[in-house]
Amino acid sequence: METEQSDPTNTGFDAAVDGVVAPTDALGGTLRLVRTDDFDSLDPGNTYYAYTWNFLRLIGRTLVTFDTAPGKAGQRLVPDLAESLGESSDGGRTWTYRLRPGLLFEDGTPVTSADVKYAIARSNYGTDVLGVGPTYFRHLLGTEYGGPWREPEADGPVTLETPDERTLVFRLTEPFAGMDLLATMPSTTPVPKDRDTGIGYRLGPVATGPYRVVSYERGRLAVLEHNPHWDPETDPVRKQRARRIEVHLGVEPHEVDRMLISGEAHIDLAGFGVQPAAQERILADPELRANADNPLTGFTWIYCLSSRITPFDNVHCRRAVQFATDKAAMQAAYGGPVGGDIATTILPPTIDGYAPFDRYPVGDAGTGDLEAARAELVLAGMPDGFVTKIAARKDRLKEYRAAEALAAGLARVGIEAEVLDFPSGDYFDRYGGSPEYLRENGIGIIMFGWGADFPDGYGFFQQIVDGRAIKERGNQNMGELDDPEINALLDQGAVSGDPAERAAIWHRIDRLTMDHAVIVPYLYPRSLLYRHPDARNVQVTGSFGMYDYVALGAR
């Protein structure tokens, strides 16, 4: 067994934000992660939670990925399955990737370009069966292809070519400057067609990364062990620093914190930080505080107002809610300033294009402008307020308490909002991401948080404000916003190779979306993350705003 060569002095509060805590390349023991609910899905083509995307990099490899490095360096693009970053031609309409030689699935069969094409086809065109993840490739590749389950004899989208077993050629309907960013997404993880079980694939995805799933009991425990056919010589990003990885699921939030502090678990998988009670304890104890990090996550905590559900089909009702929001109380639900900074824009400070502005000021104390809210209610023809419902995830206790604080703030101007609780695991598939469910149940306010699918304004905005991205399942455009000007700006930003022009476009979209008032930003979150001292090689990655799970090990 290799001798561990970690540096125990490289620790302290915020040490993992821009550095590596307890660095080592040694193979350790069992890394134990813990989570309040379950993964949304371990199927790389059917997932939309950031922590799941981060975790899946242990199991599957993508065409391109983010470097394993702390802070901003963790946003650097590096080839993964591909030998190099994409080769662009035809003015950015054609992109070519060539796979590394010697890539194998966990059963020893070769990985081919057809396996990557099939993965992209099932995730982007098979939304009748899957439906949770983003569909950027479908938009860019076009074609009338109906997906692998509707057209099982077809060879996928004709605009994605596989001229040989190692080459993929993407022929886009329009230029797209950020193709390498799309190539990092889990949907480029190869899937062998003969092993695909549709919706059941989430229980046992076929590994190409250093670990394979050996058991998975949803809501209770997932176990990963060494993938014998993973070759580190073909992988520039990953190392194995744990013999075994256990993910304990469905654990009550305060119990998660207890497990971390006691050493029964090393890291909270969700990456949202400890609960307020544990937060106070950790910050007050120098020994515990030395094992904590408080990064800005790159997310914005928001809630959406559905423009197609009464009374939020009236813009003045939406604006009344904007003004009546008690953002200070919602911030308190996350533990106060250590939980994040009060937000006034949708785009977070970590994304190019962010510029501060405040379309709906809620006062210096952040508690709301009730007179402005009442004036909007008068314009809406509802001076006495109205009744609605709020969807929130109770296992995300801070989000649920923020929803309660929101309801209390709205009640001050006569808006009665009942808070309903839902599980995280299928929140987007069945509840908050289902426009039909929201309409049938009169749920006008939907709580969630949003971070970029990749660190760029297009990757942040497209799924939540593009009218063409509205889906009946796994929908992220919960305001059901469809503004031709915003759609056109997204297309303009997608083809631009000028960083300054792109940044100006993202800022313009931010302002236009706030005019519609379908999204209410209330917090730029900071997570108080706790790393148990037995965790090794701990670093916060700028690509996900949480610990980099590919880097982690355990003593």
Protein backbone atom coordinates (compact mmCIF):
# COMPACT_ATOMS: atom_id res chain seq x y z
CA MET A 1 0.00 0.00 0.00
CA GLU A 2 1.28 3.44 -0.93
CA THR A 3 2.29 5.61 1.99
CA GLU A 4 0.19 8.72 2.42
CA GLN A 5 2.07 11.97 1.94
CA SER A 6 -0.54 14.52 2.98
CA ASP A 7 0.22 17.92 4.47
CA PRO A 8 -1.79 18.33 7.70
CA THR A 9 -0.72 21.96 8.04
CA ASN A 10 -2.60 23.01 4.91
CA THR A 11 -5.87 23.59 6.71
CA GLY A 12 -7.85 26.35 8.39
CA PHE A 13 -11.00 28.30 7.66
CA ASP A 14 -11.53 28.80 3.90
CA ALA A 15 -8.33 26.87 3.13
CA ALA A 16 -10.09 24.77 0.47
CA VAL A 17 -11.55 27.78 -1.38
CA ASP A 18 -8.31 28.60 -3.19
CA GLY A 19 -6.10 25.72 -2.09
CA VAL A 20 -6.03 21.98 -1.40
CA VAL A 21 -6.53 20.71 2.14
CA ALA A 22 -4.57 17.56 3.06
CA PRO A 23 -3.24 16.94 -0.47
CA THR A 24 -2.35 13.37 -1.33
CA ASP A 25 -2.28 10.93 -4.24
CA ALA A 26 -2.31 7.91 -1.94
CA LEU A 27 -5.08 5.33 -2.08
CA GLY A 28 -7.01 5.57 1.18
CA GLY A 29 -9.99 3.81 2.73
CA THR A 30 -13.73 4.48 2.52
CA LEU A 31 -14.99 7.95 1.61
CA ARG A 32 -18.41 8.50 3.20
CA LEU A 33 -20.75 11.11 1.74
CA VAL A 34 -24.20 11.94 3.12
CA ARG A 35 -27.35 13.53 1.67
CA THR A 36 -30.79 14.48 2.99
CA ASP A 37 -32.69 12.99 0.05
CA ASP A 38 -31.60 11.02 -3.02
CA PHE A 39 -29.92 11.79 -6.29
CA ASP A 40 -32.37 13.09 -8.85
CA SER A 41 -30.91 10.34 -11.05
CA LEU A 42 -27.58 8.58 -11.60
CA ASP A 43 -28.47 8.40 -15.29
CA PRO A 44 -26.13 10.96 -16.90
CA GLY A 45 -28.81 11.74 -19.48
CA ASN A 46 -31.59 12.33 -16.96
CA THR A 47 -30.20 14.60 -14.24
CA TYR A 48 -30.17 18.31 -13.47
CA TYR A 49 -28.79 18.72 -9.94
CA ALA A 50 -25.32 20.27 -9.75
CA TYR A 51 -24.14 17.91 -7.00
CA THR A 52 -25.21 14.91 -9.11
CA TRP A 53 -23.27 16.25 -12.11
CA ASN A 54 -20.24 16.71 -9.88
CA PHE A 55 -20.59 13.20 -8.42
CA LEU A 56 -21.21 11.47 -11.78
CA ARG A 57 -17.68 12.42 -12.87
CA LEU A 58 -16.51 9.60 -10.57
CA ILE A 59 -18.53 7.07 -12.59
CA GLY A 60 -18.63 8.41 -16.12
CA ARG A 61 -16.37 10.43 -18.38
CA THR A 62 -17.46 13.16 -20.80
CA LEU A 63 -15.93 14.46 -24.02
CA VAL A 64 -14.49 17.46 -22.18
CA THR A 65 -14.41 18.20 -18.47
CA PHE A 66 -13.24 20.79 -15.96
CA ASP A 67 -9.76 20.58 -14.51
CA THR A 68 -9.29 19.27 -10.99
CA ALA A 69 -8.03 22.45 -9.35
CA PRO A 70 -9.26 24.77 -6.61
CA GLY A 71 -11.10 28.03 -7.23
CA LYS A 72 -11.31 29.69 -10.63
CA ALA A 73 -8.76 27.24 -12.06
CA GLY A 74 -11.43 24.56 -11.66
CA GLN A 75 -13.32 26.21 -14.56
CA ARG A 76 -10.50 25.45 -17.00
CA LEU A 77 -11.59 23.15 -19.82
CA VAL A 78 -9.53 20.02 -20.45
CA PRO A 79 -10.16 17.08 -22.83
CA ASP A 80 -11.50 13.96 -21.15
CA LEU A 81 -12.73 11.18 -23.44
CA ALA A 82 -11.54 13.31 -26.33
CA GLU A 83 -7.89 13.63 -27.26
CA SER A 84 -8.19 17.42 -27.47
CA LEU A 85 -10.72 20.19 -27.25
CA GLY A 86 -13.10 20.43 -30.18
CA GLU A 87 -11.88 21.40 -33.64
CA SER A 88 -14.14 24.05 -35.16
CA SER A 89 -14.77 24.68 -38.85
CA ASP A 90 -17.42 26.17 -41.14
CA GLY A 91 -17.58 29.35 -39.07
CA GLY A 92 -18.39 27.47 -35.85
CA ARG A 93 -21.13 25.28 -37.34
CA THR A 94 -19.05 22.10 -37.44
CA TRP A 95 -17.21 20.66 -34.44
CA THR A 96 -15.10 17.50 -34.44
CA TYR A 97 -13.95 15.40 -31.47
CA ARG A 98 -11.72 12.32 -31.61
CA LEU A 99 -11.80 9.81 -28.73
CA ARG A 100 -8.64 8.62 -27.00
CA PRO A 101 -7.57 5.07 -27.85
CA GLY A 102 -8.02 2.32 -25.27
CA LEU A 103 -11.22 3.57 -23.59
CA LEU A 104 -13.27 0.77 -22.01
CA PHE A 105 -16.58 0.31 -20.21
CA GLU A 106 -16.58 -1.40 -16.81
CA ASP A 107 -17.17 -4.81 -18.47
CA GLY A 108 -14.13 -4.42 -20.70
CA THR A 109 -15.92 -3.62 -23.95
CA PRO A 110 -14.51 -0.73 -26.01
CA VAL A 111 -16.05 2.73 -25.89
CA THR A 112 -16.86 3.97 -29.39
CA SER A 113 -18.12 7.17 -30.93
CA ALA A 114 -21.48 5.42 -31.46
CA ASP A 115 -21.85 5.07 -27.68
CA VAL A 116 -21.40 8.82 -27.22
CA LYS A 117 -23.81 9.56 -30.07
CA TYR A 118 -26.41 7.24 -28.56
CA ALA A 119 -26.00 8.94 -25.16
CA ILE A 120 -26.63 12.37 -26.69
CA ALA A 121 -29.58 11.03 -28.69
CA ARG A 122 -31.33 9.46 -25.69
CA SER A 123 -30.90 12.47 -23.41
CA ASN A 124 -31.78 15.20 -25.92
CA TYR A 125 -34.38 13.46 -28.08
CA GLY A 126 -35.71 10.79 -25.70
CA THR A 127 -37.55 13.20 -23.41
CA ASP A 128 -40.69 11.05 -23.64
CA VAL A 129 -38.88 8.58 -21.37
CA LEU A 130 -36.24 10.65 -19.58
CA GLY A 131 -37.06 14.35 -19.66
CA VAL A 132 -35.12 15.87 -16.73
CA GLY A 133 -31.82 17.06 -18.18
CA PRO A 134 -31.09 19.99 -20.53
CA THR A 135 -31.52 19.65 -24.30
CA TYR A 136 -28.98 22.06 -25.74
CA PHE A 137 -27.81 19.54 -28.34
CA ARG A 138 -31.35 19.01 -29.62
CA HIS A 139 -31.68 22.73 -30.24
CA LEU A 140 -28.31 23.01 -31.97
CA LEU A 141 -28.41 19.76 -33.98
CA GLY A 142 -31.98 20.21 -35.16
CA THR A 143 -33.47 17.38 -37.32
CA GLU A 144 -36.85 15.70 -36.97
CA TYR A 145 -35.40 12.65 -35.21
CA GLY A 146 -37.92 11.34 -32.69
CA GLY A 147 -35.54 9.69 -30.22
CA PRO A 148 -34.35 6.13 -29.57
CA TRP A 149 -37.64 4.90 -28.13
CA ARG A 150 -39.90 6.35 -30.81
CA GLU A 151 -37.52 5.45 -33.64
CA PRO A 152 -35.53 2.43 -32.40
CA GLU A 153 -34.27 1.53 -35.88
CA ALA A 154 -32.88 5.01 -36.64
CA ASP A 155 -29.21 5.84 -36.10
CA GLY A 156 -29.77 8.95 -34.04
CA PRO A 157 -29.74 12.54 -35.28
CA VAL A 158 -28.28 12.70 -38.80
CA THR A 159 -26.47 15.94 -37.92
CA LEU A 160 -24.24 14.05 -35.46
CA GLU A 161 -21.94 11.88 -37.54
CA THR A 162 -19.64 9.02 -36.52
CA PRO A 163 -17.41 8.40 -39.55
CA ASP A 164 -15.33 5.89 -37.57
CA GLU A 165 -15.25 4.34 -34.08
CA ARG A 166 -13.29 7.23 -32.58
CA THR A 167 -14.65 10.33 -34.33
CA LEU A 168 -17.75 12.47 -33.73
CA VAL A 169 -18.72 15.35 -36.02
CA PHE A 170 -21.39 17.77 -34.82
CA ARG A 171 -23.06 19.69 -37.68
CA LEU A 172 -24.96 22.49 -36.03
CA THR A 173 -27.86 24.45 -37.45
CA GLU A 174 -26.10 27.66 -36.46
CA PRO A 175 -22.66 28.63 -35.15
CA PHE A 176 -22.07 28.06 -31.45
CA ALA A 177 -18.91 29.41 -29.84
CA GLY A 178 -19.25 27.47 -26.56
CA MET A 179 -19.29 23.92 -27.90
CA ASP A 180 -16.52 22.74 -25.58
CA LEU A 181 -18.61 23.91 -22.63
CA LEU A 182 -21.54 21.77 -23.84
CA ALA A 183 -19.15 18.85 -24.24
CA THR A 184 -18.59 18.85 -20.45
CA MET A 185 -22.21 17.95 -19.75
CA PRO A 186 -23.14 14.49 -18.40
CA SER A 187 -25.17 13.73 -21.54
CA THR A 188 -21.88 13.17 -23.42
CA THR A 189 -21.07 10.25 -21.08
CA PRO A 190 -21.13 7.16 -23.33
CA VAL A 191 -24.04 4.72 -22.90
CA PRO A 192 -23.95 1.25 -24.51
CA LYS A 193 -27.25 0.84 -26.36
CA ASP A 194 -27.61 -2.83 -25.43
CA ARG A 195 -27.28 -1.99 -21.71
CA ASP A 196 -29.79 0.88 -21.71
CA THR A 197 -32.87 0.16 -19.57
CA GLY A 198 -34.59 3.51 -20.12
CA ILE A 199 -35.80 5.06 -16.89
CA GLY A 200 -34.23 2.15 -14.96
CA TYR A 201 -30.73 3.05 -16.17
CA ARG A 202 -30.46 5.46 -13.24
CA LEU A 203 -30.03 2.48 -10.91
CA GLY A 204 -26.92 1.15 -12.62
CA PRO A 205 -25.16 3.37 -15.17
CA VAL A 206 -22.30 1.61 -16.95
CA ALA A 207 -19.03 3.12 -15.77
CA THR A 208 -16.19 4.62 -17.79
CA GLY A 209 -14.66 6.47 -14.83
CA PRO A 210 -12.55 5.19 -11.93
CA TYR A 211 -15.54 3.88 -9.95
CA ARG A 212 -18.53 1.65 -10.74
CA VAL A 213 -21.84 1.33 -8.92
CA VAL A 214 -21.86 -1.98 -7.04
CA SER A 215 -25.14 -1.37 -5.19
CA TYR A 216 -27.78 1.33 -5.04
CA GLU A 217 -30.86 1.32 -2.83
CA ARG A 218 -32.73 4.50 -3.64
CA GLY A 219 -33.24 6.74 -0.65
CA ARG A 220 -30.86 4.72 1.51
CA LEU A 221 -27.37 3.87 0.23
CA ALA A 222 -25.24 3.94 -2.92
CA VAL A 223 -21.87 2.15 -2.97
CA LEU A 224 -19.06 2.68 -5.48
CA GLU A 225 -15.93 0.57 -5.85
CA HIS A 226 -12.97 0.37 -8.21
CA ASN A 227 -13.72 0.01 -11.91
CA PRO A 228 -11.19 -2.63 -13.02
CA HIS A 229 -11.22 -1.43 -16.65
CA TRP A 230 -10.52 2.22 -15.93
CA ASP A 231 -7.00 3.05 -17.13
CA PRO A 232 -5.44 6.10 -15.43
CA GLU A 233 -3.09 6.43 -18.40
CA THR A 234 -6.09 7.54 -20.50
CA ASP A 235 -7.46 9.90 -17.86
CA PRO A 236 -5.72 13.26 -17.30
CA VAL A 237 -8.14 14.42 -14.60
CA ARG A 238 -8.97 11.65 -12.14
CA LYS A 239 -7.08 9.64 -9.56
CA GLN A 240 -8.36 7.02 -7.15
CA ARG A 241 -7.90 8.24 -3.60
CA ALA A 242 -10.50 6.00 -1.93
CA ARG A 243 -10.99 2.25 -2.17
CA ARG A 244 -14.72 2.58 -1.67
CA ILE A 245 -17.27 5.40 -1.71
CA GLU A 246 -20.50 5.22 0.28
CA VAL A 247 -23.33 7.73 -0.14
CA HIS A 248 -25.80 7.63 2.75
CA LEU A 249 -29.15 8.93 1.52
CA GLY A 250 -32.40 10.11 3.05
CA VAL A 251 -30.78 11.43 6.23
CA GLU A 252 -32.57 14.13 8.26
CA PRO A 253 -30.82 17.53 7.84
CA HIS A 254 -29.67 17.98 11.44
CA GLU A 255 -28.49 14.35 11.49
CA VAL A 256 -26.34 15.10 8.42
CA ASP A 257 -24.55 17.81 10.40
CA ARG A 258 -24.11 15.54 13.40
CA MET A 259 -22.59 12.82 11.19
CA LEU A 260 -20.12 15.28 9.69
CA ILE A 261 -18.93 16.70 12.99
CA SER A 262 -18.69 13.25 14.61
CA GLY A 263 -16.77 11.75 11.69
CA GLU A 264 -19.45 9.26 10.63
CA ALA A 265 -19.38 11.07 7.27
CA HIS A 266 -16.70 13.15 5.57
CA ILE A 267 -18.65 15.48 3.25
CA ASP A 268 -22.28 16.54 2.68
CA LEU A 269 -22.94 15.59 -0.94
CA ALA A 270 -25.45 18.39 -1.64
CA GLY A 271 -22.84 21.11 -1.18
CA PHE A 272 -25.32 23.58 0.33
CA GLY A 273 -23.70 23.83 3.75
CA VAL A 274 -24.73 22.97 7.28
CA GLN A 275 -27.98 24.03 8.94
CA PRO A 276 -28.07 27.29 10.97
CA ALA A 277 -27.74 25.54 14.37
CA ALA A 278 -24.59 23.68 13.30
CA GLN A 279 -23.37 26.81 11.57
CA GLU A 280 -23.42 28.75 14.84
CA ARG A 281 -21.63 25.93 16.64
CA ILE A 282 -18.91 25.60 14.00
CA LEU A 283 -18.21 29.32 13.77
CA ALA A 284 -18.00 29.62 17.56
CA ASP A 285 -15.54 26.74 17.98
CA PRO A 286 -12.01 27.46 16.61
CA GLU A 287 -11.25 23.76 16.14
CA LEU A 288 -14.41 23.12 14.12
CA ARG A 289 -14.12 26.42 12.25
CA ALA A 290 -10.70 25.36 10.97
CA ASN A 291 -12.46 22.54 9.09
CA ALA A 292 -14.98 24.81 7.34
CA ASP A 293 -15.14 26.79 4.10
CA ASN A 294 -17.55 29.58 3.14
CA PRO A 295 -17.35 29.98 -0.66
CA LEU A 296 -19.64 31.98 -2.89
CA THR A 297 -21.32 29.14 -4.74
CA GLY A 298 -21.98 30.64 -8.17
CA PHE A 299 -25.71 30.04 -7.73
CA THR A 300 -28.57 32.45 -7.20
CA TRP A 301 -31.37 31.39 -4.87
CA ILE A 302 -34.56 32.37 -6.66
CA TYR A 303 -38.23 31.63 -6.83
CA CYS A 304 -40.36 31.73 -9.96
CA LEU A 305 -43.82 33.14 -10.56
CA SER A 306 -45.63 31.24 -13.29
CA SER A 307 -46.92 33.74 -15.87
CA ARG A 308 -49.56 31.25 -17.01
CA ILE A 309 -51.17 30.57 -13.64
CA THR A 310 -53.76 32.94 -12.19
CA PRO A 311 -53.20 35.56 -10.82
CA PHE A 312 -49.56 35.66 -11.96
CA ASP A 313 -50.67 36.01 -15.57
CA ASN A 314 -51.02 39.66 -14.50
CA VAL A 315 -47.59 41.34 -14.41
CA HIS A 316 -48.68 43.69 -11.61
CA CYS A 317 -49.37 40.71 -9.33
CA ARG A 318 -45.86 39.49 -10.05
CA ARG A 319 -44.39 42.90 -9.35
CA ALA A 320 -46.37 43.17 -6.11
CA VAL A 321 -44.68 39.98 -4.92
CA GLN A 322 -41.27 41.32 -5.94
CA PHE A 323 -41.74 44.43 -3.79
CA ALA A 324 -43.32 42.59 -0.84
CA THR A 325 -40.55 40.00 -0.51
CA ASP A 326 -38.76 40.12 2.82
CA LYS A 327 -35.32 39.17 1.55
CA ALA A 328 -33.71 39.80 4.94
CA ALA A 329 -35.96 37.17 6.55
CA MET A 330 -35.21 34.75 3.72
CA GLN A 331 -31.50 35.40 4.18
CA ALA A 332 -31.92 34.66 7.89
CA ALA A 333 -33.33 31.23 6.98
CA TYR A 334 -29.90 30.46 5.51
CA GLY A 335 -28.07 31.69 8.60
CA GLY A 336 -27.70 35.38 7.82
CA PRO A 337 -24.76 36.94 5.93
CA VAL A 338 -22.64 33.79 6.25
CA GLY A 339 -25.37 32.04 4.26
CA GLY A 340 -25.17 34.53 1.42
CA ASP A 341 -25.57 38.08 0.20
CA ILE A 342 -28.99 39.55 -0.61
CA ALA A 343 -29.53 39.35 -4.39
CA THR A 344 -31.09 41.89 -6.73
CA THR A 345 -30.08 40.33 -10.05
CA ILE A 346 -30.64 36.88 -11.51
CA LEU A 347 -27.09 36.56 -12.80
CA PRO A 348 -24.66 35.88 -9.90
CA PRO A 349 -21.40 37.83 -9.38
CA THR A 350 -19.31 34.83 -10.49
CA ILE A 351 -20.53 34.97 -14.13
CA ASP A 352 -19.19 37.44 -16.71
CA GLY A 353 -21.97 39.88 -17.54
CA TYR A 354 -23.04 40.43 -13.96
CA ALA A 355 -23.55 44.11 -13.14
CA PRO A 356 -25.44 45.31 -10.07
CA PHE A 357 -28.89 46.86 -10.47
CA ASP A 358 -32.11 46.74 -8.46
CA ARG A 359 -35.37 46.73 -10.43
CA TYR A 360 -37.55 46.17 -7.34
CA PRO A 361 -35.87 47.76 -4.29
CA VAL A 362 -36.98 46.28 -0.97
CA GLY A 363 -35.48 48.94 1.29
CA ASP A 364 -32.11 49.36 2.94
CA ALA A 365 -32.99 46.70 5.51
CA GLY A 366 -34.08 44.28 2.79
CA THR A 367 -37.49 43.73 4.38
CA GLY A 368 -39.69 44.87 1.47
CA ASP A 369 -41.33 47.99 0.07
CA LEU A 370 -44.94 47.42 1.14
CA GLU A 371 -46.28 50.68 -0.29
CA ALA A 372 -44.91 49.84 -3.72
CA ALA A 373 -46.38 46.34 -3.42
CA ARG A 374 -49.83 47.72 -2.53
CA ALA A 375 -49.66 50.13 -5.48
CA GLU A 376 -49.01 47.19 -7.82
CA LEU A 377 -51.96 45.30 -6.32
CA VAL A 378 -54.19 48.29 -7.08
CA LEU A 379 -52.95 48.28 -10.69
CA ALA A 380 -53.71 44.55 -10.82
CA GLY A 381 -57.29 45.19 -9.66
CA MET A 382 -56.64 43.20 -6.48
CA PRO A 383 -56.13 45.83 -3.75
CA ASP A 384 -56.92 43.33 -0.99
CA GLY A 385 -54.42 40.74 -2.25
CA PHE A 386 -54.98 37.18 -3.45
CA VAL A 387 -54.41 33.53 -2.58
CA THR A 388 -51.67 31.27 -4.03
CA LYS A 389 -49.41 28.33 -3.15
CA ILE A 390 -45.65 27.92 -2.82
CA ALA A 391 -43.74 24.75 -3.77
CA ALA A 392 -40.59 24.04 -1.74
CA ARG A 393 -38.39 21.07 -0.80
CA LYS A 394 -38.70 20.29 2.89
CA ASP A 395 -35.61 18.08 3.01
CA ARG A 396 -33.76 21.25 2.00
CA LEU A 397 -34.64 22.76 5.32
CA LYS A 398 -33.18 26.19 4.64
CA GLU A 399 -35.12 26.50 1.38
CA TYR A 400 -38.32 25.46 3.15
CA ARG A 401 -37.78 27.98 5.94
CA ALA A 402 -37.08 30.65 3.33
CA ALA A 403 -40.43 29.77 1.74
CA GLU A 404 -42.11 30.21 5.11
CA ALA A 405 -40.39 33.60 5.50
CA LEU A 406 -41.58 34.53 2.02
CA ALA A 407 -45.16 33.61 2.89
CA ALA A 408 -45.00 35.69 6.07
CA GLY A 409 -43.66 38.68 4.15
CA LEU A 410 -46.36 38.49 1.48
CA ALA A 411 -49.11 38.25 4.10
CA ARG A 412 -48.34 41.83 5.12
CA VAL A 413 -50.02 43.06 1.91
CA GLY A 414 -52.84 40.52 1.88
CA ILE A 415 -51.21 37.85 -0.29
CA GLU A 416 -51.96 34.49 1.34
CA ALA A 417 -49.44 31.87 0.23
CA GLU A 418 -49.65 28.29 1.51
CA VAL A 419 -46.28 26.49 1.59
CA LEU A 420 -46.38 22.93 0.22
CA ASP A 421 -43.50 20.52 0.75
CA PHE A 422 -42.06 18.17 -1.88
CA PRO A 423 -39.09 15.78 -2.04
CA SER A 424 -35.91 16.83 -3.82
CA GLY A 425 -35.40 13.59 -5.71
CA ASP A 426 -38.17 14.06 -8.31
CA TYR A 427 -38.99 17.73 -7.67
CA PHE A 428 -38.29 18.78 -11.26
CA ASP A 429 -39.61 15.64 -12.92
CA ARG A 430 -43.03 15.45 -11.24
CA TYR A 431 -43.76 18.65 -9.32
CA GLY A 432 -41.97 22.00 -9.67
CA GLY A 433 -40.74 21.14 -13.17
CA SER A 434 -44.14 20.00 -14.42
CA PRO A 435 -46.23 22.94 -15.75
CA GLU A 436 -49.30 20.70 -15.86
CA TYR A 437 -48.95 19.72 -12.20
CA LEU A 438 -48.49 23.36 -11.20
CA ARG A 439 -51.58 24.44 -13.15
CA GLU A 440 -53.74 21.61 -11.83
CA ASN A 441 -52.79 22.43 -8.25
CA GLY A 442 -52.77 26.22 -8.48
CA ILE A 443 -49.12 26.52 -7.45
CA GLY A 444 -47.95 29.95 -8.60
CA ILE A 445 -44.64 30.21 -6.71
CA ILE A 446 -41.85 27.67 -7.14
CA MET A 447 -38.73 27.76 -4.95
CA PHE A 448 -35.40 26.66 -6.35
CA GLY A 449 -31.81 27.67 -6.84
CA TRP A 450 -29.98 28.05 -10.12
CA GLY A 451 -26.39 27.82 -11.22
CA ALA A 452 -24.90 27.78 -14.69
CA ASP A 453 -24.90 24.48 -16.57
CA PHE A 454 -21.44 25.66 -17.55
CA PRO A 455 -19.68 28.87 -16.38
CA ASP A 456 -21.05 31.27 -18.99
CA GLY A 457 -24.10 33.51 -19.32
CA TYR A 458 -25.64 31.26 -21.96
CA GLY A 459 -25.17 28.28 -19.67
CA PHE A 460 -26.86 30.22 -16.90
CA PHE A 461 -29.81 31.76 -18.72
CA GLN A 462 -30.85 29.57 -21.62
CA GLN A 463 -32.77 26.90 -19.74
CA ILE A 464 -34.59 29.30 -17.40
CA VAL A 465 -35.63 32.16 -19.73
CA ASP A 466 -35.68 30.79 -23.30
CA GLY A 467 -39.28 30.22 -24.40
CA ARG A 468 -38.09 27.36 -26.62
CA ALA A 469 -36.77 25.52 -23.55
CA ILE A 470 -40.19 25.13 -21.87
CA LYS A 471 -40.89 21.42 -21.32
CA GLU A 472 -43.77 19.44 -19.87
CA ARG A 473 -41.35 17.47 -17.65
CA GLY A 474 -38.10 18.58 -16.10
CA ASN A 475 -38.93 22.17 -16.97
CA GLN A 476 -36.60 24.86 -15.64
CA ASN A 477 -38.30 27.87 -17.27
CA MET A 478 -40.85 27.85 -14.48
CA GLY A 479 -42.01 31.38 -15.18
CA GLU A 480 -42.92 30.07 -18.66
CA LEU A 481 -41.34 33.19 -20.10
CA ASP A 482 -41.33 33.42 -23.90
CA ASP A 483 -40.05 36.83 -25.00
CA PRO A 484 -38.87 36.99 -28.66
CA GLU A 485 -36.29 39.65 -27.77
CA ILE A 486 -34.75 37.49 -25.04
CA ASN A 487 -34.77 34.43 -27.32
CA ALA A 488 -33.00 36.41 -30.05
CA LEU A 489 -30.41 37.77 -27.61
CA LEU A 490 -29.61 34.23 -26.48
CA ASP A 491 -29.03 33.23 -30.10
CA GLN A 492 -26.85 36.30 -30.63
CA GLY A 493 -24.76 35.54 -27.55
CA ALA A 494 -24.38 31.89 -28.58
CA VAL A 495 -22.56 32.76 -31.81
CA SER A 496 -20.45 35.63 -30.50
CA GLY A 497 -16.79 34.99 -29.85
CA ASP A 498 -16.27 38.43 -28.29
CA PRO A 499 -16.28 38.17 -24.47
CA ALA A 500 -17.26 41.82 -24.00
CA GLU A 501 -20.17 41.52 -26.43
CA ARG A 502 -21.34 38.33 -24.77
CA ALA A 503 -21.17 39.89 -21.30
CA ALA A 504 -23.26 42.87 -22.47
CA ILE A 505 -25.87 40.50 -23.88
CA TRP A 506 -26.15 38.51 -20.64
CA HIS A 507 -26.62 41.74 -18.68
CA ARG A 508 -29.34 42.89 -21.08
CA ILE A 509 -31.16 39.56 -20.65
CA ASP A 510 -30.93 39.96 -16.87
CA ARG A 511 -32.65 43.36 -17.05
CA LEU A 512 -35.34 42.25 -19.52
CA THR A 513 -36.20 39.20 -17.44
CA MET A 514 -36.52 41.31 -14.29
CA ASP A 515 -38.92 43.61 -16.18
CA HIS A 516 -41.17 40.59 -16.73
CA ALA A 517 -40.92 39.86 -12.98
CA VAL A 518 -41.25 36.07 -13.41
CA ILE A 519 -38.06 35.38 -11.40
CA VAL A 520 -37.37 36.79 -7.94
CA PRO A 521 -33.70 36.57 -6.89
CA TYR A 522 -33.22 36.80 -3.15
CA LEU A 523 -29.75 35.43 -2.27
CA TYR A 524 -26.30 34.92 -3.76
CA PRO A 525 -25.60 31.93 -1.55
CA ARG A 526 -22.51 31.15 0.43
CA SER A 527 -22.33 27.64 1.79
CA LEU A 528 -20.70 26.94 5.13
CA LEU A 529 -19.20 23.62 4.09
CA TYR A 530 -17.73 21.29 6.70
CA ARG A 531 -14.97 18.83 5.83
CA HIS A 532 -14.11 16.24 8.42
CA PRO A 533 -10.34 16.14 9.15
CA ASP A 534 -10.12 12.58 7.82
CA ALA A 535 -11.10 13.79 4.32
CA ARG A 536 -8.19 14.17 1.92
CA ASN A 537 -7.44 16.33 -1.10
CA VAL A 538 -10.34 18.67 -0.36
CA GLN A 539 -10.82 21.64 -2.67
CA VAL A 540 -13.69 23.86 -3.77
CA THR A 541 -14.05 23.78 -7.54
CA GLY A 542 -15.04 26.93 -9.39
CA SER A 543 -17.00 24.85 -11.89
CA PHE A 544 -19.58 23.65 -9.34
CA GLY A 545 -19.11 25.96 -6.33
CA MET A 546 -18.73 23.00 -3.96
CA TYR A 547 -16.05 20.43 -3.11
CA ASP A 548 -14.64 18.64 -6.16
CA TYR A 549 -15.78 15.04 -5.66
CA VAL A 550 -13.37 13.67 -8.27
CA ALA A 551 -10.46 14.93 -6.16
CA LEU A 552 -11.59 13.61 -2.77
CA GLY A 553 -10.01 10.86 -0.75
CA ALA A 554 -10.24 9.61 2.83
CA ARG A 555 -7.78 8.40 5.41
